[in-house]
Amino acid sequence: MNNGDIIIGKAIDTQRNANIQHCIKLNCQAVSGSELDNKECLVVLDDISSMQVCIDNPHIDFVEFG
């Protein structure tokens, strides 16, 4: 994240939040330093600085947004 937080989860869908921002909906496994949980969370796309794919994927493994 642009603020240094790390969010780990599985992408479920895209969705807009209450502020009409474009988000990715995740089944979150952990959120930077908090205890493990298993809830859905919305991450604003403009706040993402990079993404790393944690499963075998022949097309992408890491992308950095500028």
PDB file of N, CA and C in Angstrom:
ATOM      1  N   MET A   1       0.839  -1.160   0.000  1.00  0.00           N
ATOM      2  CA  MET A   1       0.000   0.000   0.000  1.00  0.00           C
ATOM      3  C   MET A   1       0.895   1.237   0.000  1.00  0.00           C
ATOM      4  N   ASN A   2       0.353   2.337  -0.472  1.00  0.00           N
ATOM      5  CA  ASN A   2       1.112   3.582  -0.500  1.00  0.00           C
ATOM      6  C   ASN A   2       1.543   4.019   0.897  1.00  0.00           C
ATOM      7  N   ASN A   3       0.806   3.615   1.939  1.00  0.00           N
ATOM      8  CA  ASN A   3       1.149   4.008   3.305  1.00  0.00           C
ATOM      9  C   ASN A   3       2.068   2.995   3.992  1.00  0.00           C
ATOM     10  N   GLY A   4       2.490   1.945   3.293  1.00  0.00           N
ATOM     11  CA  GLY A   4       3.398   0.953   3.842  1.00  0.00           C
ATOM     12  C   GLY A   4       2.726  -0.292   4.389  1.00  0.00           C
ATOM     13  N   ASP A   5       1.415  -0.284   4.553  1.00  0.00           N
ATOM     14  CA  ASP A   5       0.700  -1.468   5.032  1.00  0.00           C
ATOM     15  C   ASP A   5       0.778  -2.587   4.002  1.00  0.00           C
ATOM     16  N   ILE A   6       0.711  -3.808   4.469  1.00  0.00           N
ATOM     17  CA  ILE A   6       0.685  -4.980   3.601  1.00  0.00           C
ATOM     18  C   ILE A   6      -0.620  -5.714   3.865  1.00  0.00           C
ATOM     19  N   ILE A   7      -1.339  -6.010   2.815  1.00  0.00           N
ATOM     20  CA  ILE A   7      -2.594  -6.749   2.916  1.00  0.00           C
ATOM     21  C   ILE A   7      -2.435  -8.041   2.137  1.00  0.00           C
ATOM     22  N   ILE A   8      -2.746  -9.158   2.778  1.00  0.00           N
ATOM     23  CA  ILE A   8      -2.643 -10.469   2.143  1.00  0.00           C
ATOM     24  C   ILE A   8      -4.036 -11.041   2.010  1.00  0.00           C
ATOM     25  N   GLY A   9      -4.383 -11.492   0.810  1.00  0.00           N
ATOM     26  CA  GLY A   9      -5.705 -12.063   0.632  1.00  0.00           C
ATOM     27  C   GLY A   9      -5.915 -12.569  -0.781  1.00  0.00           C
ATOM     28  N   LYS A  10      -7.089 -13.105  -0.986  1.00  0.00           N
ATOM     29  CA  LYS A  10      -7.466 -13.629  -2.294  1.00  0.00           C
ATOM     30  C   LYS A  10      -8.483 -12.687  -2.919  1.00  0.00           C
ATOM     31  N   ALA A  11      -8.215 -12.263  -4.151  1.00  0.00           N
ATOM     32  CA  ALA A  11      -9.127 -11.365  -4.858  1.00  0.00           C
ATOM     33  C   ALA A  11     -10.429 -12.084  -5.173  1.00  0.00           C
ATOM     34  N   ILE A  12     -11.534 -11.420  -4.871  1.00  0.00           N
ATOM     35  CA  ILE A  12     -12.853 -11.988  -5.111  1.00  0.00           C
ATOM     36  C   ILE A  12     -13.548 -11.284  -6.269  1.00  0.00           C
ATOM     37  N   ASP A  13     -13.472  -9.946  -6.277  1.00  0.00           N
ATOM     38  CA  ASP A  13     -14.237  -9.161  -7.247  1.00  0.00           C
ATOM     39  C   ASP A  13     -13.746  -7.725  -7.190  1.00  0.00           C
ATOM     40  N   THR A  14     -14.342  -6.884  -8.003  1.00  0.00           N
ATOM     41  CA  THR A  14     -14.155  -5.450  -7.890  1.00  0.00           C
ATOM     42  C   THR A  14     -15.474  -4.857  -7.419  1.00  0.00           C
ATOM     43  N   GLN A  15     -15.386  -3.697  -6.798  1.00  0.00           N
ATOM     44  CA  GLN A  15     -16.583  -3.082  -6.236  1.00  0.00           C
ATOM     45  C   GLN A  15     -16.263  -1.629  -5.912  1.00  0.00           C
ATOM     46  N   ARG A  16     -17.280  -0.801  -5.821  1.00  0.00           N
ATOM     47  CA  ARG A  16     -17.089   0.574  -5.356  1.00  0.00           C
ATOM     48  C   ARG A  16     -17.425   0.639  -3.874  1.00  0.00           C
ATOM     49  N   ASN A  17     -16.702   1.484  -3.152  1.00  0.00           N
ATOM     50  CA  ASN A  17     -16.983   1.640  -1.729  1.00  0.00           C
ATOM     51  C   ASN A  17     -18.015   2.751  -1.520  1.00  0.00           C
ATOM     52  N   ALA A  18     -18.267   3.115  -0.285  1.00  0.00           N
ATOM     53  CA  ALA A  18     -19.274   4.122   0.046  1.00  0.00           C
ATOM     54  C   ALA A  18     -18.925   5.496  -0.534  1.00  0.00           C
ATOM     55  N   ASN A  19     -17.634   5.727  -0.803  1.00  0.00           N
ATOM     56  CA  ASN A  19     -17.188   7.001  -1.393  1.00  0.00           C
ATOM     57  C   ASN A  19     -17.102   6.931  -2.914  1.00  0.00           C
ATOM     58  N   ILE A  20     -17.664   5.897  -3.499  1.00  0.00           N
ATOM     59  CA  ILE A  20     -17.703   5.664  -4.957  1.00  0.00           C
ATOM     60  C   ILE A  20     -16.309   5.475  -5.547  1.00  0.00           C
ATOM     61  N   GLN A  21     -15.340   5.010  -4.746  1.00  0.00           N
ATOM     62  CA  GLN A  21     -13.994   4.740  -5.239  1.00  0.00           C
ATOM     63  C   GLN A  21     -13.934   3.306  -5.748  1.00  0.00           C
ATOM     64  N   HIS A  22     -13.172   3.093  -6.807  1.00  0.00           N
ATOM     65  CA  HIS A  22     -12.981   1.743  -7.348  1.00  0.00           C
ATOM     66  C   HIS A  22     -12.096   0.952  -6.396  1.00  0.00           C
ATOM     67  N   CYS A  23     -12.540  -0.251  -6.044  1.00  0.00           N
ATOM     68  CA  CYS A  23     -11.823  -1.093  -5.085  1.00  0.00           C
ATOM     69  C   CYS A  23     -11.707  -2.512  -5.611  1.00  0.00           C
ATOM     70  N   ILE A  24     -10.767  -3.229  -5.024  1.00  0.00           N
ATOM     71  CA  ILE A  24     -10.703  -4.670  -5.226  1.00  0.00           C
ATOM     72  C   ILE A  24     -11.208  -5.298  -3.924  1.00  0.00           C
ATOM     73  N   LYS A  25     -12.091  -6.258  -4.049  1.00  0.00           N
ATOM     74  CA  LYS A  25     -12.654  -6.940  -2.885  1.00  0.00           C
ATOM     75  C   LYS A  25     -11.816  -8.176  -2.622  1.00  0.00           C
ATOM     76  N   LEU A  26     -11.308  -8.293  -1.404  1.00  0.00           N
ATOM     77  CA  LEU A  26     -10.435  -9.395  -1.030  1.00  0.00           C
ATOM     78  C   LEU A  26     -11.032 -10.209   0.108  1.00  0.00           C
ATOM     79  N   ASN A  27     -10.732 -11.486   0.107  1.00  0.00           N
ATOM     80  CA  ASN A  27     -10.935 -12.310   1.280  1.00  0.00           C
ATOM     81  C   ASN A  27      -9.621 -12.195   2.034  1.00  0.00           C
ATOM     82  N   CYS A  28      -9.570 -11.298   3.022  1.00  0.00           N
ATOM     83  CA  CYS A  28      -8.321 -10.958   3.707  1.00  0.00           C
ATOM     84  C   CYS A  28      -7.916 -12.041   4.684  1.00  0.00           C
ATOM     85  N   GLN A  29      -6.637 -12.395   4.642  1.00  0.00           N
ATOM     86  CA  GLN A  29      -6.078 -13.367   5.577  1.00  0.00           C
ATOM     87  C   GLN A  29      -5.322 -12.651   6.683  1.00  0.00           C
ATOM     88  N   ALA A  30      -4.728 -11.514   6.356  1.00  0.00           N
ATOM     89  CA  ALA A  30      -3.988 -10.742   7.351  1.00  0.00           C
ATOM     90  C   ALA A  30      -3.908  -9.303   6.877  1.00  0.00           C
ATOM     91  N   VAL A  31      -3.924  -8.400   7.808  1.00  0.00           N
ATOM     92  CA  VAL A  31      -3.751  -6.989   7.476  1.00  0.00           C
ATOM     93  C   VAL A  31      -2.639  -6.446   8.357  1.00  0.00           C
ATOM     94  N   SER A  32      -1.509  -6.142   7.753  1.00  0.00           N
ATOM     95  CA  SER A  32      -0.318  -5.567   8.370  1.00  0.00           C
ATOM     96  C   SER A  32      -0.282  -5.546   9.892  1.00  0.00           C
ATOM     97  N   GLY A  33       0.207  -6.608  10.463  1.00  0.00           N
ATOM     98  CA  GLY A  33       0.441  -6.635  11.893  1.00  0.00           C
ATOM     99  C   GLY A  33      -0.766  -6.986  12.747  1.00  0.00           C
ATOM    100  N   SER A  34      -1.964  -6.994  12.190  1.00  0.00           N
ATOM    101  CA  SER A  34      -3.116  -7.370  13.001  1.00  0.00           C
ATOM    102  C   SER A  34      -3.200  -8.888  13.064  1.00  0.00           C
ATOM    103  N   GLU A  35      -4.001  -9.403  13.962  1.00  0.00           N
ATOM    104  CA  GLU A  35      -4.111 -10.855  14.050  1.00  0.00           C
ATOM    105  C   GLU A  35      -4.777 -11.422  12.810  1.00  0.00           C
ATOM    106  N   LEU A  36      -4.528 -12.681  12.574  1.00  0.00           N
ATOM    107  CA  LEU A  36      -5.105 -13.343  11.407  1.00  0.00           C
ATOM    108  C   LEU A  36      -6.619 -13.349  11.519  1.00  0.00           C
ATOM    109  N   ASP A  37      -7.253 -13.020  10.438  1.00  0.00           N
ATOM    110  CA  ASP A  37      -8.703 -13.086  10.370  1.00  0.00           C
ATOM    111  C   ASP A  37      -9.069 -13.636   9.011  1.00  0.00           C
ATOM    112  N   ASN A  38     -10.292 -13.698   8.695  1.00  0.00           N
ATOM    113  CA  ASN A  38     -10.731 -14.221   7.412  1.00  0.00           C
ATOM    114  C   ASN A  38     -11.997 -13.490   7.034  1.00  0.00           C
ATOM    115  N   LYS A  39     -11.857 -12.221   6.699  1.00  0.00           N
ATOM    116  CA  LYS A  39     -13.015 -11.405   6.388  1.00  0.00           C
ATOM    117  C   LYS A  39     -12.833 -10.770   5.015  1.00  0.00           C
ATOM    118  N   GLU A  40     -13.915 -10.258   4.489  1.00  0.00           N
ATOM    119  CA  GLU A  40     -13.843  -9.539   3.219  1.00  0.00           C
ATOM    120  C   GLU A  40     -13.462  -8.095   3.502  1.00  0.00           C
ATOM    121  N   CYS A  41     -12.607  -7.547   2.654  1.00  0.00           N
ATOM    122  CA  CYS A  41     -12.239  -6.144   2.800  1.00  0.00           C
ATOM    123  C   CYS A  41     -12.145  -5.516   1.417  1.00  0.00           C
ATOM    124  N   LEU A  42     -12.371  -4.222   1.376  1.00  0.00           N
ATOM    125  CA  LEU A  42     -12.254  -3.455   0.148  1.00  0.00           C
ATOM    126  C   LEU A  42     -10.966  -2.646   0.197  1.00  0.00           C
ATOM    127  N   VAL A  43     -10.182  -2.723  -0.869  1.00  0.00           N
ATOM    128  CA  VAL A  43      -8.936  -1.975  -0.964  1.00  0.00           C
ATOM    129  C   VAL A  43      -9.066  -1.021  -2.145  1.00  0.00           C
ATOM    130  N   VAL A  44      -8.927   0.270  -1.883  1.00  0.00           N
ATOM    131  CA  VAL A  44      -9.029   1.278  -2.930  1.00  0.00           C
ATOM    132  C   VAL A  44      -7.875   1.089  -3.913  1.00  0.00           C
ATOM    133  N   LEU A  45      -8.204   0.972  -5.192  1.00  0.00           N
ATOM    134  CA  LEU A  45      -7.176   0.701  -6.205  1.00  0.00           C
ATOM    135  C   LEU A  45      -6.103   1.782  -6.247  1.00  0.00           C
ATOM    136  N   ASP A  46      -6.483   3.042  -6.055  1.00  0.00           N
ATOM    137  CA  ASP A  46      -5.507   4.138  -6.094  1.00  0.00           C
ATOM    138  C   ASP A  46      -4.511   4.083  -4.934  1.00  0.00           C
ATOM    139  N   ASP A  47      -4.812   3.310  -3.886  1.00  0.00           N
ATOM    140  CA  ASP A  47      -3.927   3.203  -2.726  1.00  0.00           C
ATOM    141  C   ASP A  47      -2.914   2.077  -2.846  1.00  0.00           C
ATOM    142  N   ILE A  48      -3.006   1.269  -3.897  1.00  0.00           N
ATOM    143  CA  ILE A  48      -2.117   0.113  -4.067  1.00  0.00           C
ATOM    144  C   ILE A  48      -0.827   0.553  -4.757  1.00  0.00           C
ATOM    145  N   SER A  49       0.316   0.236  -4.129  1.00  0.00           N
ATOM    146  CA  SER A  49       1.600   0.588  -4.743  1.00  0.00           C
ATOM    147  C   SER A  49       2.195  -0.586  -5.518  1.00  0.00           C
ATOM    148  N   SER A  50       1.901  -1.823  -5.068  1.00  0.00           N
ATOM    149  CA  SER A  50       2.389  -3.005  -5.781  1.00  0.00           C
ATOM    150  C   SER A  50       1.541  -4.204  -5.388  1.00  0.00           C
ATOM    151  N   MET A  51       1.608  -5.235  -6.231  1.00  0.00           N
ATOM    152  CA  MET A  51       0.927  -6.494  -5.951  1.00  0.00           C
ATOM    153  C   MET A  51       1.856  -7.636  -6.305  1.00  0.00           C
ATOM    154  N   GLN A  52       1.850  -8.661  -5.471  1.00  0.00           N
ATOM    155  CA  GLN A  52       2.618  -9.865  -5.730  1.00  0.00           C
ATOM    156  C   GLN A  52       1.657 -11.046  -5.747  1.00  0.00           C
ATOM    157  N   VAL A  53       1.764 -11.875  -6.772  1.00  0.00           N
ATOM    158  CA  VAL A  53       0.925 -13.062  -6.896  1.00  0.00           C
ATOM    159  C   VAL A  53       1.613 -14.189  -6.129  1.00  0.00           C
ATOM    160  N   CYS A  54       0.871 -14.835  -5.239  1.00  0.00           N
ATOM    161  CA  CYS A  54       1.455 -15.851  -4.360  1.00  0.00           C
ATOM    162  C   CYS A  54       1.125 -17.279  -4.788  1.00  0.00           C
ATOM    163  N   ILE A  55       0.547 -17.437  -5.973  1.00  0.00           N
ATOM    164  CA  ILE A  55       0.285 -18.758  -6.533  1.00  0.00           C
ATOM    165  C   ILE A  55       0.989 -18.835  -7.878  1.00  0.00           C
ATOM    166  N   ASP A  56       1.183 -20.044  -8.393  1.00  0.00           N
ATOM    167  CA  ASP A  56       1.805 -20.186  -9.705  1.00  0.00           C
ATOM    168  C   ASP A  56       0.930 -19.533 -10.764  1.00  0.00           C
ATOM    169  N   ASN A  57       1.521 -18.618 -11.504  1.00  0.00           N
ATOM    170  CA  ASN A  57       0.809 -17.905 -12.550  1.00  0.00           C
ATOM    171  C   ASN A  57       1.801 -17.617 -13.674  1.00  0.00           C
ATOM    172  N   PRO A  58       1.605 -18.150 -14.871  1.00  0.00           N
ATOM    173  CA  PRO A  58       2.565 -17.970 -15.948  1.00  0.00           C
ATOM    174  C   PRO A  58       2.558 -16.555 -16.543  1.00  0.00           C
ATOM    175  N   HIS A  59       1.580 -15.731 -16.180  1.00  0.00           N
ATOM    176  CA  HIS A  59       1.429 -14.413 -16.793  1.00  0.00           C
ATOM    177  C   HIS A  59       1.983 -13.276 -15.941  1.00  0.00           C
ATOM    178  N   ILE A  60       1.921 -13.430 -14.638  1.00  0.00           N
ATOM    179  CA  ILE A  60       2.328 -12.327 -13.766  1.00  0.00           C
ATOM    180  C   ILE A  60       2.755 -12.873 -12.418  1.00  0.00           C
ATOM    181  N   ASP A  61       3.746 -12.227 -11.807  1.00  0.00           N
ATOM    182  CA  ASP A  61       4.099 -12.580 -10.434  1.00  0.00           C
ATOM    183  C   ASP A  61       4.247 -11.338  -9.553  1.00  0.00           C
ATOM    184  N   PHE A  62       4.604 -10.207 -10.158  1.00  0.00           N
ATOM    185  CA  PHE A  62       4.746  -8.972  -9.403  1.00  0.00           C
ATOM    186  C   PHE A  62       4.474  -7.786 -10.325  1.00  0.00           C
ATOM    187  N   VAL A  63       3.779  -6.795  -9.817  1.00  0.00           N
ATOM    188  CA  VAL A  63       3.557  -5.565 -10.579  1.00  0.00           C
ATOM    189  C   VAL A  63       3.657  -4.389  -9.615  1.00  0.00           C
ATOM    190  N   GLU A  64       4.351  -3.344 -10.067  1.00  0.00           N
ATOM    191  CA  GLU A  64       4.497  -2.127  -9.267  1.00  0.00           C
ATOM    192  C   GLU A  64       3.774  -0.992  -9.991  1.00  0.00           C
ATOM    193  N   PHE A  65       2.968  -0.262  -9.253  1.00  0.00           N
ATOM    194  CA  PHE A  65       2.207   0.837  -9.835  1.00  0.00           C
ATOM    195  C   PHE A  65       2.929   2.148  -9.547  1.00  0.00           C
ATOM    196  N   GLY A  66       2.971   3.023 -10.532  1.00  0.00           N
ATOM    197  CA  GLY A  66       3.706   4.271 -10.366  1.00  0.00           C
ATOM    198  C   GLY A  66       2.825   5.404 -10.335  1.00  0.00           C
TER     199      GLY A  66
END
